[in-house]
């Protein structure tokens, strides 16, 4: 599904990635482990082919339509939208762009339950702490029904109690 072969990335004289190679098959889970600054996020930014198709230069929604979802280290929800609408928007614009508003909201409720967040239609993102925002970020990615999920620092910045919740 995803093959990275001899990937290298340099920023001036700094080598962020040097001959990185790996493969992810359908159904596999692969974790990238390393200290801050070791190139994990840079590697995500360098993915150029998925299922044999080049994705360089495609808009984020076009990449999403091809089956890739991504979370980011710092969640940035749509603050003016309720929690449910944040996830419903992702569901509506995910791989199945033909979903109705009712279908997208139904999918959003399913995913919110899965990650342990309230599906109250009016609940504001302002009620969410750091752990809740990370869960919302994951819910938005999962709502797109991805074939490949790139989760960047999903537990970063959380204490053990927040990770368990």
C-alpha atoms as a PDB file:
ATOM      1  CA  UNK A   1       0.000   0.000   0.000  1.00  0.00           C
ATOM      2  CA  UNK A   2       2.796   2.429   0.930  1.00  0.00           C
ATOM      3  CA  UNK A   3       6.433   1.958   0.005  1.00  0.00           C
ATOM      4  CA  UNK A   4       9.216   4.322   1.014  1.00  0.00           C
ATOM      5  CA  UNK A   5      12.519   3.543  -0.664  1.00  0.00           C
ATOM      6  CA  UNK A   6      15.886   5.203   0.005  1.00  0.00           C
ATOM      7  CA  UNK A   7      14.228   8.453   1.080  1.00  0.00           C
ATOM      8  CA  UNK A   8      16.587  11.319   1.909  1.00  0.00           C
ATOM      9  CA  UNK A   9      15.799  14.892   2.901  1.00  0.00           C
ATOM     10  CA  UNK A  10      18.306  17.661   3.565  1.00  0.00           C
ATOM     11  CA  UNK A  11      17.764  21.168   4.909  1.00  0.00           C
ATOM     12  CA  UNK A  12      20.926  23.003   3.928  1.00  0.00           C
ATOM     13  CA  UNK A  13      23.738  21.125   5.642  1.00  0.00           C
ATOM     14  CA  UNK A  14      21.367  19.254   7.978  1.00  0.00           C
ATOM     15  CA  UNK A  15      20.318  15.722   7.010  1.00  0.00           C
ATOM     16  CA  UNK A  16      16.817  15.062   8.341  1.00  0.00           C
ATOM     17  CA  UNK A  17      16.320  11.710   6.577  1.00  0.00           C
ATOM     18  CA  UNK A  18      19.004   9.478   5.126  1.00  0.00           C
ATOM     19  CA  UNK A  19      18.181   6.383   3.051  1.00  0.00           C
ATOM     20  CA  UNK A  20      14.933   5.562   4.880  1.00  0.00           C
ATOM     21  CA  UNK A  21      13.118   2.529   3.490  1.00  0.00           C
ATOM     22  CA  UNK A  22      10.045   0.632   4.666  1.00  0.00           C
ATOM     23  CA  UNK A  23       6.771  -0.798   3.417  1.00  0.00           C
ATOM     24  CA  UNK A  24       3.293  -0.770   4.917  1.00  0.00           C
ATOM     25  CA  UNK A  25       0.870  -3.416   3.712  1.00  0.00           C
ATOM     26  CA  UNK A  26      -2.928  -3.341   3.961  1.00  0.00           C
ATOM     27  CA  UNK A  27      -3.964  -3.986   7.579  1.00  0.00           C
ATOM     28  CA  UNK A  28      -0.515  -3.380   9.070  1.00  0.00           C
ATOM     29  CA  UNK A  29       0.332  -0.947  11.824  1.00  0.00           C
ATOM     30  CA  UNK A  30       3.772   0.627  11.701  1.00  0.00           C
ATOM     31  CA  UNK A  31       5.143   2.977  14.339  1.00  0.00           C
ATOM     32  CA  UNK A  32       7.970   5.445  13.874  1.00  0.00           C
ATOM     33  CA  UNK A  33       9.867   6.021  17.104  1.00  0.00           C
ATOM     34  CA  UNK A  34      12.508   8.643  17.706  1.00  0.00           C
ATOM     35  CA  UNK A  35      13.344  11.730  19.731  1.00  0.00           C
ATOM     36  CA  UNK A  36      12.182  15.222  18.854  1.00  0.00           C
ATOM     37  CA  UNK A  37      13.861  16.427  15.692  1.00  0.00           C
ATOM     38  CA  UNK A  38      14.596  12.941  14.378  1.00  0.00           C
ATOM     39  CA  UNK A  39      12.582  13.406  11.180  1.00  0.00           C
ATOM     40  CA  UNK A  40       9.275  11.653  11.859  1.00  0.00           C
ATOM     41  CA  UNK A  41       7.086  14.567  10.732  1.00  0.00           C
ATOM     42  CA  UNK A  42       9.466  15.297   7.862  1.00  0.00           C
ATOM     43  CA  UNK A  43       9.003  11.719   6.682  1.00  0.00           C
ATOM     44  CA  UNK A  44       5.211  12.179   6.604  1.00  0.00           C
ATOM     45  CA  UNK A  45       5.705  15.359   4.591  1.00  0.00           C
ATOM     46  CA  UNK A  46       7.829  13.463   2.047  1.00  0.00           C
ATOM     47  CA  UNK A  47       5.295  10.774   1.110  1.00  0.00           C
ATOM     48  CA  UNK A  48       4.988  11.205  -2.647  1.00  0.00           C
ATOM     49  CA  UNK A  49       3.323   8.005  -3.864  1.00  0.00           C
ATOM     50  CA  UNK A  50       0.408   6.017  -2.495  1.00  0.00           C
ATOM     51  CA  UNK A  51      -0.779   2.767  -4.063  1.00  0.00           C
ATOM     52  CA  UNK A  52       1.525   3.496  -6.992  1.00  0.00           C
ATOM     53  CA  UNK A  53      -0.013   6.908  -7.717  1.00  0.00           C
ATOM     54  CA  UNK A  54       1.946  10.141  -7.342  1.00  0.00           C
ATOM     55  CA  UNK A  55       0.345  12.538  -4.857  1.00  0.00           C
ATOM     56  CA  UNK A  56       2.896  15.362  -4.995  1.00  0.00           C
ATOM     57  CA  UNK A  57       1.213  18.705  -5.565  1.00  0.00           C
ATOM     58  CA  UNK A  58      -2.304  17.431  -4.893  1.00  0.00           C
ATOM     59  CA  UNK A  59      -4.530  19.514  -2.646  1.00  0.00           C
ATOM     60  CA  UNK A  60      -5.154  18.039   0.827  1.00  0.00           C
ATOM     61  CA  UNK A  61      -8.761  17.156  -0.082  1.00  0.00           C
ATOM     62  CA  UNK A  62      -7.569  15.286  -3.194  1.00  0.00           C
ATOM     63  CA  UNK A  63      -5.101  13.313  -1.079  1.00  0.00           C
ATOM     64  CA  UNK A  64      -7.914  12.550   1.372  1.00  0.00           C
ATOM     65  CA  UNK A  65     -10.166  11.359  -1.482  1.00  0.00           C
ATOM     66  CA  UNK A  66      -7.436   8.889  -2.437  1.00  0.00           C
ATOM     67  CA  UNK A  67      -7.580   7.351   1.041  1.00  0.00           C
ATOM     68  CA  UNK A  68      -4.926   9.079   3.161  1.00  0.00           C
ATOM     69  CA  UNK A  69      -5.788  10.817   6.426  1.00  0.00           C
ATOM     70  CA  UNK A  70      -3.346  12.561   8.702  1.00  0.00           C
ATOM     71  CA  UNK A  71      -3.317  13.918  12.218  1.00  0.00           C
ATOM     72  CA  UNK A  72      -0.993  16.706  13.263  1.00  0.00           C
ATOM     73  CA  UNK A  73       1.114  17.273  16.380  1.00  0.00           C
ATOM     74  CA  UNK A  74      -0.855  20.406  17.232  1.00  0.00           C
ATOM     75  CA  UNK A  75      -4.610  19.943  16.764  1.00  0.00           C
ATOM     76  CA  UNK A  76      -6.368  22.846  15.078  1.00  0.00           C
ATOM     77  CA  UNK A  77     -10.121  22.269  15.146  1.00  0.00           C
ATOM     78  CA  UNK A  78     -12.613  24.631  13.603  1.00  0.00           C
ATOM     79  CA  UNK A  79     -13.206  26.554  16.843  1.00  0.00           C
ATOM     80  CA  UNK A  80     -16.481  28.119  15.707  1.00  0.00           C
ATOM     81  CA  UNK A  81     -17.983  24.718  14.902  1.00  0.00           C
ATOM     82  CA  UNK A  82     -19.302  22.303  17.542  1.00  0.00           C
ATOM     83  CA  UNK A  83     -17.447  19.035  18.116  1.00  0.00           C
ATOM     84  CA  UNK A  84     -19.990  17.040  16.079  1.00  0.00           C
ATOM     85  CA  UNK A  85     -19.755  19.395  13.100  1.00  0.00           C
ATOM     86  CA  UNK A  86     -15.938  19.277  13.158  1.00  0.00           C
ATOM     87  CA  UNK A  87     -16.113  15.519  12.633  1.00  0.00           C
ATOM     88  CA  UNK A  88     -19.143  15.557  10.301  1.00  0.00           C
ATOM     89  CA  UNK A  89     -17.304  17.965   8.012  1.00  0.00           C
ATOM     90  CA  UNK A  90     -14.417  15.497   7.785  1.00  0.00           C
ATOM     91  CA  UNK A  91     -16.840  12.624   7.143  1.00  0.00           C
ATOM     92  CA  UNK A  92     -18.614  14.555   4.399  1.00  0.00           C
ATOM     93  CA  UNK A  93     -15.421  15.541   2.602  1.00  0.00           C
ATOM     94  CA  UNK A  94     -13.624  12.235   3.104  1.00  0.00           C
ATOM     95  CA  UNK A  95     -13.400   9.410   0.607  1.00  0.00           C
ATOM     96  CA  UNK A  96     -17.182   9.167   0.192  1.00  0.00           C
ATOM     97  CA  UNK A  97     -17.943  12.659  -1.066  1.00  0.00           C
ATOM     98  CA  UNK A  98     -21.470  11.617  -1.994  1.00  0.00           C
ATOM     99  CA  UNK A  99     -22.593  11.310   1.636  1.00  0.00           C
ATOM    100  CA  UNK A 100     -25.593  13.313   2.739  1.00  0.00           C
ATOM    101  CA  UNK A 101     -25.462  15.603   5.752  1.00  0.00           C
ATOM    102  CA  UNK A 102     -27.403  13.006   7.752  1.00  0.00           C
ATOM    103  CA  UNK A 103     -24.944  10.259   6.767  1.00  0.00           C
ATOM    104  CA  UNK A 104     -21.958  12.458   7.636  1.00  0.00           C
ATOM    105  CA  UNK A 105     -23.431  13.317  11.035  1.00  0.00           C
ATOM    106  CA  UNK A 106     -24.181   9.639  11.665  1.00  0.00           C
ATOM    107  CA  UNK A 107     -20.603   8.695  10.819  1.00  0.00           C
ATOM    108  CA  UNK A 108     -19.382  11.528  13.058  1.00  0.00           C
ATOM    109  CA  UNK A 109     -21.402  10.181  16.000  1.00  0.00           C
ATOM    110  CA  UNK A 110     -19.946   6.679  15.458  1.00  0.00           C
ATOM    111  CA  UNK A 111     -16.377   7.967  15.408  1.00  0.00           C
ATOM    112  CA  UNK A 112     -16.892  10.287  18.382  1.00  0.00           C
ATOM    113  CA  UNK A 113     -18.178   7.324  20.402  1.00  0.00           C
ATOM    114  CA  UNK A 114     -15.172   5.271  19.300  1.00  0.00           C
ATOM    115  CA  UNK A 115     -12.677   7.880  20.562  1.00  0.00           C
ATOM    116  CA  UNK A 116     -14.683   8.698  23.697  1.00  0.00           C
ATOM    117  CA  UNK A 117     -15.883  12.228  22.939  1.00  0.00           C
ATOM    118  CA  UNK A 118     -19.390  13.650  23.347  1.00  0.00           C
ATOM    119  CA  UNK A 119     -21.521  13.547  20.225  1.00  0.00           C
ATOM    120  CA  UNK A 120     -23.750  16.362  21.532  1.00  0.00           C
ATOM    121  CA  UNK A 121     -24.541  18.452  18.477  1.00  0.00           C
ATOM    122  CA  UNK A 122     -23.960  21.701  20.347  1.00  0.00           C
ATOM    123  CA  UNK A 123     -20.879  20.828  22.444  1.00  0.00           C
ATOM    124  CA  UNK A 124     -18.178  23.409  21.814  1.00  0.00           C
ATOM    125  CA  UNK A 125     -14.556  22.511  21.155  1.00  0.00           C
ATOM    126  CA  UNK A 126     -13.792  24.982  23.973  1.00  0.00           C
ATOM    127  CA  UNK A 127     -14.716  22.278  26.526  1.00  0.00           C
ATOM    128  CA  UNK A 128     -11.862  20.067  25.313  1.00  0.00           C
ATOM    129  CA  UNK A 129      -8.521  19.933  27.071  1.00  0.00           C
ATOM    130  CA  UNK A 130      -5.297  18.698  25.478  1.00  0.00           C
ATOM    131  CA  UNK A 131      -6.380  15.041  25.503  1.00  0.00           C
ATOM    132  CA  UNK A 132      -9.809  15.903  24.091  1.00  0.00           C
ATOM    133  CA  UNK A 133      -8.288  17.933  21.268  1.00  0.00           C
ATOM    134  CA  UNK A 134      -6.010  15.000  20.374  1.00  0.00           C
ATOM    135  CA  UNK A 135      -9.068  12.716  20.337  1.00  0.00           C
ATOM    136  CA  UNK A 136     -10.937  15.190  18.137  1.00  0.00           C
ATOM    137  CA  UNK A 137      -7.987  15.289  15.723  1.00  0.00           C
ATOM    138  CA  UNK A 138      -8.037  11.478  15.542  1.00  0.00           C
ATOM    139  CA  UNK A 139     -11.831  11.412  15.137  1.00  0.00           C
ATOM    140  CA  UNK A 140     -11.673  13.814  12.209  1.00  0.00           C
ATOM    141  CA  UNK A 141      -9.070  11.635  10.498  1.00  0.00           C
ATOM    142  CA  UNK A 142     -10.982   8.397  11.128  1.00  0.00           C
ATOM    143  CA  UNK A 143     -14.244   9.930   9.888  1.00  0.00           C
ATOM    144  CA  UNK A 144     -12.757  10.188   6.388  1.00  0.00           C
ATOM    145  CA  UNK A 145     -12.615   6.361   6.247  1.00  0.00           C
ATOM    146  CA  UNK A 146      -8.909   6.285   5.357  1.00  0.00           C
ATOM    147  CA  UNK A 147      -7.015   3.404   3.829  1.00  0.00           C
ATOM    148  CA  UNK A 148      -3.839   4.885   5.341  1.00  0.00           C
ATOM    149  CA  UNK A 149      -3.757   6.884   8.579  1.00  0.00           C
ATOM    150  CA  UNK A 150      -0.643   8.925   9.317  1.00  0.00           C
ATOM    151  CA  UNK A 151      -0.907   9.789  13.024  1.00  0.00           C
ATOM    152  CA  UNK A 152       1.730  12.325  14.054  1.00  0.00           C
ATOM    153  CA  UNK A 153       2.419  12.469  17.811  1.00  0.00           C
ATOM    154  CA  UNK A 154      -1.101  11.394  18.753  1.00  0.00           C
ATOM    155  CA  UNK A 155      -0.103  11.140  22.417  1.00  0.00           C
ATOM    156  CA  UNK A 156       2.531  13.892  22.403  1.00  0.00           C
ATOM    157  CA  UNK A 157       2.232  16.353  25.281  1.00  0.00           C
ATOM    158  CA  UNK A 158      -0.189  14.190  27.264  1.00  0.00           C
ATOM    159  CA  UNK A 159       0.471  12.898  30.775  1.00  0.00           C
ATOM    160  CA  UNK A 160      -0.097   9.187  31.614  1.00  0.00           C
ATOM    161  CA  UNK A 161      -3.555   9.899  33.062  1.00  0.00           C
ATOM    162  CA  UNK A 162      -4.660  11.669  29.894  1.00  0.00           C
ATOM    163  CA  UNK A 163      -3.319   8.824  27.747  1.00  0.00           C
ATOM    164  CA  UNK A 164      -5.340   6.269  29.723  1.00  0.00           C
ATOM    165  CA  UNK A 165      -8.544   8.341  29.430  1.00  0.00           C
END
